[in-house]
């Protein structure tokens, strides 16, 4: 989508601090981190949110979770981490491109869950 912030990051039109990239997925540092480690993992193909996951695109979501586990290990998040995806405006989704937040690097507040 031409007006999607994350699609512009994928296209290289907006810079990001990349953590991981392959043919399906891009992971980069969040610009407003909520924890010492705060990384966003997104599919390169535009999917608006969790609500749009279906038979045709669910394999990329599975791949994203494999990537999340790899990144968490590389980031040294051995004590644990949180994976969050907001779905829709009422849940606080501000960029309507499926994305997963990896949050860690400290003991996280239970109220954040």
N, C-alpha and C. Protein backbone atom coordinates (compact mmCIF):
# COMPACT_ATOMS: atom_id res chain seq x y z
N UNK A 1 0.84 -1.18 0.00
CA UNK A 1 0.00 0.00 0.00
C UNK A 1 0.88 1.24 0.00
N UNK A 2 0.59 2.17 -0.84
CA UNK A 2 1.46 3.32 -1.05
C UNK A 2 1.52 4.27 0.14
N UNK A 3 0.49 4.31 0.98
CA UNK A 3 0.50 5.22 2.12
C UNK A 3 0.82 4.54 3.44
N UNK A 4 1.18 3.28 3.43
CA UNK A 4 1.48 2.52 4.65
C UNK A 4 2.93 2.79 5.09
N UNK A 5 3.07 3.24 6.33
CA UNK A 5 4.39 3.53 6.89
C UNK A 5 5.32 2.33 6.80
N UNK A 6 4.84 1.15 7.19
CA UNK A 6 5.71 -0.02 7.18
C UNK A 6 6.04 -0.48 5.76
N UNK A 7 5.11 -0.32 4.83
CA UNK A 7 5.42 -0.63 3.42
C UNK A 7 6.52 0.29 2.90
N UNK A 8 6.51 1.54 3.34
CA UNK A 8 7.56 2.49 2.95
C UNK A 8 8.90 2.11 3.57
N UNK A 9 8.89 1.61 4.79
CA UNK A 9 10.13 1.13 5.41
C UNK A 9 10.66 -0.08 4.64
N UNK A 10 9.78 -1.01 4.29
CA UNK A 10 10.19 -2.19 3.51
C UNK A 10 10.80 -1.77 2.18
N UNK A 11 10.20 -0.77 1.53
CA UNK A 11 10.67 -0.30 0.23
C UNK A 11 11.95 0.53 0.34
N UNK A 12 12.38 0.86 1.55
CA UNK A 12 13.58 1.66 1.74
C UNK A 12 13.34 3.16 1.61
N UNK A 13 12.08 3.56 1.53
CA UNK A 13 11.75 4.98 1.42
C UNK A 13 11.89 5.71 2.76
N UNK A 14 11.77 4.98 3.84
CA UNK A 14 11.94 5.50 5.20
C UNK A 14 13.01 4.65 5.86
N UNK A 15 14.02 5.28 6.47
CA UNK A 15 15.09 4.49 7.09
C UNK A 15 14.62 3.78 8.35
N UNK A 16 15.29 2.68 8.66
CA UNK A 16 15.05 1.94 9.88
C UNK A 16 16.36 1.30 10.32
N UNK A 17 16.40 0.91 11.58
CA UNK A 17 17.56 0.19 12.09
C UNK A 17 17.22 -1.29 12.03
N UNK A 18 17.65 -1.93 10.95
CA UNK A 18 17.30 -3.33 10.71
C UNK A 18 18.01 -4.25 11.69
N UNK A 19 17.26 -5.25 12.14
CA UNK A 19 17.78 -6.29 13.01
C UNK A 19 17.86 -7.60 12.25
N UNK A 20 16.91 -7.81 11.33
CA UNK A 20 16.82 -9.06 10.58
C UNK A 20 16.04 -8.79 9.30
N UNK A 21 16.43 -9.48 8.24
CA UNK A 21 15.66 -9.40 6.99
C UNK A 21 15.87 -10.66 6.19
N UNK A 22 14.78 -11.14 5.60
CA UNK A 22 14.85 -12.21 4.62
C UNK A 22 13.80 -11.91 3.55
N UNK A 23 13.48 -12.87 2.72
CA UNK A 23 12.56 -12.62 1.61
C UNK A 23 11.12 -12.36 2.06
N UNK A 24 10.76 -12.79 3.28
CA UNK A 24 9.38 -12.67 3.76
C UNK A 24 9.18 -11.64 4.87
N UNK A 25 10.24 -11.34 5.61
CA UNK A 25 10.11 -10.64 6.88
C UNK A 25 11.17 -9.55 7.02
N UNK A 26 10.78 -8.49 7.72
CA UNK A 26 11.73 -7.45 8.12
C UNK A 26 11.55 -7.21 9.61
N UNK A 27 12.66 -7.09 10.34
CA UNK A 27 12.62 -6.76 11.76
C UNK A 27 13.52 -5.55 11.98
N UNK A 28 13.03 -4.61 12.79
CA UNK A 28 13.79 -3.38 13.03
C UNK A 28 13.48 -2.82 14.42
N UNK A 29 14.38 -1.97 14.89
CA UNK A 29 14.22 -1.35 16.19
C UNK A 29 13.02 -0.40 16.18
N UNK A 30 12.23 -0.43 17.25
CA UNK A 30 11.12 0.51 17.40
C UNK A 30 11.69 1.90 17.68
N UNK A 31 11.11 2.93 17.08
CA UNK A 31 11.65 4.29 17.28
C UNK A 31 11.22 4.90 18.62
N UNK A 32 10.26 4.30 19.29
CA UNK A 32 9.82 4.76 20.62
C UNK A 32 9.78 3.56 21.56
N UNK A 33 10.96 3.02 21.92
CA UNK A 33 11.00 1.77 22.67
C UNK A 33 10.31 1.85 24.03
N UNK A 34 9.60 0.78 24.35
CA UNK A 34 8.90 0.64 25.63
C UNK A 34 9.64 -0.29 26.58
N UNK A 35 10.77 -0.82 26.15
CA UNK A 35 11.61 -1.71 26.94
C UNK A 35 13.03 -1.61 26.38
N UNK A 36 14.04 -2.07 27.14
CA UNK A 36 15.41 -2.01 26.61
C UNK A 36 15.56 -2.67 25.24
N UNK A 37 14.86 -3.78 25.04
CA UNK A 37 14.79 -4.41 23.71
C UNK A 37 13.36 -4.23 23.23
N UNK A 38 13.20 -3.53 22.11
CA UNK A 38 11.87 -3.34 21.51
C UNK A 38 12.04 -3.37 20.00
N UNK A 39 11.71 -4.51 19.43
CA UNK A 39 11.91 -4.77 18.01
C UNK A 39 10.56 -5.08 17.38
N UNK A 40 10.33 -4.54 16.19
CA UNK A 40 9.12 -4.83 15.43
C UNK A 40 9.45 -5.85 14.35
N UNK A 41 8.59 -6.84 14.18
CA UNK A 41 8.77 -7.85 13.14
C UNK A 41 7.53 -7.79 12.26
N UNK A 42 7.74 -7.58 10.96
CA UNK A 42 6.63 -7.38 10.03
C UNK A 42 6.79 -8.26 8.79
N UNK A 43 5.67 -8.67 8.21
CA UNK A 43 5.75 -9.36 6.91
C UNK A 43 6.01 -8.32 5.82
N UNK A 44 6.74 -8.71 4.80
CA UNK A 44 6.97 -7.80 3.69
C UNK A 44 5.71 -7.62 2.84
N UNK A 45 4.88 -8.63 2.81
CA UNK A 45 3.61 -8.51 2.12
C UNK A 45 2.64 -7.80 3.05
N UNK A 46 1.90 -6.82 2.54
CA UNK A 46 0.98 -6.06 3.37
C UNK A 46 -0.20 -6.93 3.82
N UNK A 47 -0.32 -7.06 5.13
CA UNK A 47 -1.47 -7.67 5.80
C UNK A 47 -1.85 -6.64 6.85
N UNK A 48 -3.09 -6.20 6.88
CA UNK A 48 -3.47 -5.07 7.73
C UNK A 48 -3.37 -5.37 9.23
N UNK A 49 -3.74 -6.57 9.64
CA UNK A 49 -3.71 -6.91 11.07
C UNK A 49 -3.92 -8.40 11.25
N UNK A 50 -3.93 -8.83 12.50
CA UNK A 50 -4.21 -10.23 12.82
C UNK A 50 -5.55 -10.66 12.23
N UNK A 51 -6.49 -9.72 12.16
CA UNK A 51 -7.83 -10.04 11.65
C UNK A 51 -7.81 -10.46 10.18
N UNK A 52 -6.74 -10.18 9.47
CA UNK A 52 -6.65 -10.55 8.05
C UNK A 52 -5.80 -11.79 7.80
N UNK A 53 -5.38 -12.48 8.85
CA UNK A 53 -4.62 -13.72 8.66
C UNK A 53 -5.59 -14.80 8.19
N UNK A 54 -5.18 -15.51 7.12
CA UNK A 54 -6.04 -16.54 6.55
C UNK A 54 -5.17 -17.68 6.00
N UNK A 55 -5.82 -18.64 5.34
CA UNK A 55 -5.10 -19.80 4.78
C UNK A 55 -3.99 -19.39 3.82
N UNK A 56 -4.21 -18.34 3.06
CA UNK A 56 -3.24 -17.95 2.05
C UNK A 56 -2.01 -17.26 2.62
N UNK A 57 -2.12 -16.63 3.79
CA UNK A 57 -0.98 -15.88 4.31
C UNK A 57 -0.48 -16.37 5.67
N UNK A 58 -1.10 -17.38 6.22
CA UNK A 58 -0.73 -17.82 7.57
C UNK A 58 0.68 -18.40 7.65
N UNK A 59 1.21 -18.88 6.54
CA UNK A 59 2.57 -19.44 6.59
C UNK A 59 3.60 -18.36 6.90
N UNK A 60 3.36 -17.14 6.46
CA UNK A 60 4.30 -16.06 6.79
C UNK A 60 4.25 -15.74 8.28
N UNK A 61 3.08 -15.88 8.89
CA UNK A 61 2.97 -15.64 10.33
C UNK A 61 3.74 -16.70 11.11
N UNK A 62 3.65 -17.93 10.68
CA UNK A 62 4.44 -18.99 11.29
C UNK A 62 5.93 -18.67 11.18
N UNK A 63 6.33 -18.21 10.01
CA UNK A 63 7.73 -17.84 9.79
C UNK A 63 8.12 -16.69 10.71
N UNK A 64 7.24 -15.72 10.88
CA UNK A 64 7.52 -14.58 11.77
C UNK A 64 7.84 -15.08 13.17
N UNK A 65 7.07 -16.06 13.67
CA UNK A 65 7.34 -16.56 15.02
C UNK A 65 8.65 -17.33 15.09
N UNK A 66 9.07 -17.97 14.02
CA UNK A 66 10.41 -18.58 13.98
C UNK A 66 11.47 -17.50 14.06
N UNK A 67 11.26 -16.41 13.34
CA UNK A 67 12.19 -15.28 13.34
C UNK A 67 12.23 -14.63 14.73
N UNK A 68 11.07 -14.47 15.35
CA UNK A 68 11.02 -13.89 16.69
C UNK A 68 11.88 -14.70 17.66
N UNK A 69 11.76 -16.01 17.62
CA UNK A 69 12.57 -16.87 18.51
C UNK A 69 14.05 -16.69 18.23
N UNK A 70 14.42 -16.59 16.97
CA UNK A 70 15.83 -16.40 16.58
C UNK A 70 16.35 -15.05 17.09
N UNK A 71 15.57 -14.00 16.87
CA UNK A 71 15.97 -12.66 17.32
C UNK A 71 16.10 -12.62 18.84
N UNK A 72 15.13 -13.19 19.55
CA UNK A 72 15.18 -13.19 21.02
C UNK A 72 16.46 -13.86 21.52
N UNK A 73 16.83 -14.95 20.89
CA UNK A 73 18.07 -15.64 21.28
C UNK A 73 19.27 -14.76 20.99
N UNK A 74 19.31 -14.16 19.79
CA UNK A 74 20.43 -13.29 19.42
C UNK A 74 20.53 -12.06 20.31
N UNK A 75 19.39 -11.57 20.79
CA UNK A 75 19.37 -10.39 21.66
C UNK A 75 19.64 -10.75 23.12
N UNK A 76 19.80 -12.04 23.41
CA UNK A 76 20.11 -12.47 24.77
C UNK A 76 18.93 -12.38 25.73
N UNK A 77 17.72 -12.56 25.22
CA UNK A 77 16.52 -12.45 26.06
C UNK A 77 16.21 -13.78 26.75
N UNK A 78 17.21 -14.36 27.39
CA UNK A 78 17.07 -15.68 28.00
C UNK A 78 16.16 -15.67 29.22
N UNK A 79 15.94 -14.52 29.84
CA UNK A 79 15.06 -14.43 31.00
C UNK A 79 13.60 -14.32 30.63
N UNK A 80 13.33 -14.15 29.35
CA UNK A 80 11.96 -14.05 28.86
C UNK A 80 11.73 -12.77 28.08
N UNK A 81 10.64 -12.75 27.36
CA UNK A 81 10.27 -11.59 26.56
C UNK A 81 8.79 -11.66 26.25
N UNK A 82 8.26 -10.58 25.77
CA UNK A 82 6.83 -10.50 25.44
C UNK A 82 6.69 -10.27 23.95
N UNK A 83 5.70 -10.90 23.34
CA UNK A 83 5.35 -10.68 21.94
C UNK A 83 3.93 -10.12 21.92
N UNK A 84 3.76 -8.95 21.29
CA UNK A 84 2.48 -8.26 21.30
C UNK A 84 2.10 -7.87 19.88
N UNK A 85 0.82 -8.03 19.55
CA UNK A 85 0.29 -7.51 18.29
C UNK A 85 -1.07 -6.89 18.59
N UNK A 86 -1.18 -5.61 18.36
CA UNK A 86 -2.45 -4.92 18.54
C UNK A 86 -3.27 -5.10 17.27
N UNK A 87 -4.57 -5.30 17.44
CA UNK A 87 -5.44 -5.57 16.29
C UNK A 87 -6.60 -4.56 16.29
N UNK A 88 -6.50 -3.56 15.46
CA UNK A 88 -7.56 -2.57 15.31
C UNK A 88 -7.37 -1.34 16.18
N UNK A 89 -8.10 -0.31 15.85
CA UNK A 89 -7.99 0.98 16.53
C UNK A 89 -8.26 0.88 18.02
N UNK A 90 -9.28 0.14 18.41
CA UNK A 90 -9.63 0.04 19.83
C UNK A 90 -8.54 -0.63 20.65
N UNK A 91 -7.71 -1.42 20.01
CA UNK A 91 -6.60 -2.10 20.70
C UNK A 91 -5.32 -1.27 20.67
N UNK A 92 -5.36 -0.12 20.00
CA UNK A 92 -4.18 0.73 19.95
C UNK A 92 -3.31 0.52 18.73
N UNK A 93 -3.80 -0.16 17.71
CA UNK A 93 -3.01 -0.34 16.49
C UNK A 93 -2.97 0.98 15.74
N UNK A 94 -1.78 1.55 15.61
CA UNK A 94 -1.62 2.85 14.94
C UNK A 94 -1.11 2.72 13.51
N UNK A 95 -0.42 1.63 13.21
CA UNK A 95 0.01 1.36 11.84
C UNK A 95 -0.73 0.10 11.40
N UNK A 96 -1.55 0.24 10.37
CA UNK A 96 -2.39 -0.88 9.94
C UNK A 96 -1.67 -1.76 8.92
N UNK A 97 -0.58 -2.34 9.44
CA UNK A 97 0.24 -3.35 8.75
C UNK A 97 0.61 -4.31 9.87
N UNK A 98 0.28 -5.58 9.69
CA UNK A 98 0.55 -6.58 10.73
C UNK A 98 1.97 -6.43 11.26
N UNK A 99 2.08 -6.35 12.56
CA UNK A 99 3.40 -6.30 13.18
C UNK A 99 3.36 -6.87 14.58
N UNK A 100 4.48 -7.42 14.97
CA UNK A 100 4.64 -8.01 16.29
C UNK A 100 5.78 -7.29 17.00
N UNK A 101 5.51 -6.87 18.22
CA UNK A 101 6.51 -6.22 19.06
C UNK A 101 7.21 -7.30 19.88
N UNK A 102 8.54 -7.29 19.89
CA UNK A 102 9.32 -8.10 20.82
C UNK A 102 9.78 -7.14 21.91
N UNK A 103 9.36 -7.40 23.13
CA UNK A 103 9.71 -6.54 24.26
C UNK A 103 10.46 -7.36 25.30
N UNK A 104 11.61 -6.86 25.73
CA UNK A 104 12.38 -7.59 26.73
C UNK A 104 13.56 -6.78 27.21
N UNK A 105 14.45 -7.47 27.90
CA UNK A 105 15.65 -6.83 28.41
C UNK A 105 15.51 -6.34 29.84
N UNK A 106 14.35 -6.55 30.44
CA UNK A 106 14.11 -6.22 31.84
C UNK A 106 12.88 -7.02 32.28
N UNK A 107 12.64 -7.04 33.58
CA UNK A 107 11.42 -7.68 34.08
C UNK A 107 10.27 -6.76 33.70
N UNK A 108 9.32 -7.29 32.94
CA UNK A 108 8.23 -6.49 32.42
C UNK A 108 7.08 -6.44 33.42
N UNK A 109 6.43 -5.32 33.47
CA UNK A 109 5.27 -5.10 34.32
C UNK A 109 4.13 -6.01 33.85
N UNK A 110 3.53 -6.72 34.76
CA UNK A 110 2.41 -7.61 34.41
C UNK A 110 1.24 -6.80 33.86
N UNK A 111 1.07 -5.57 34.29
CA UNK A 111 -0.02 -4.74 33.82
C UNK A 111 0.09 -4.43 32.34
N UNK A 112 1.27 -4.59 31.74
CA UNK A 112 1.46 -4.35 30.30
C UNK A 112 0.82 -5.44 29.46
N UNK A 113 0.54 -6.58 30.07
CA UNK A 113 0.03 -7.72 29.32
C UNK A 113 -1.37 -7.47 28.80
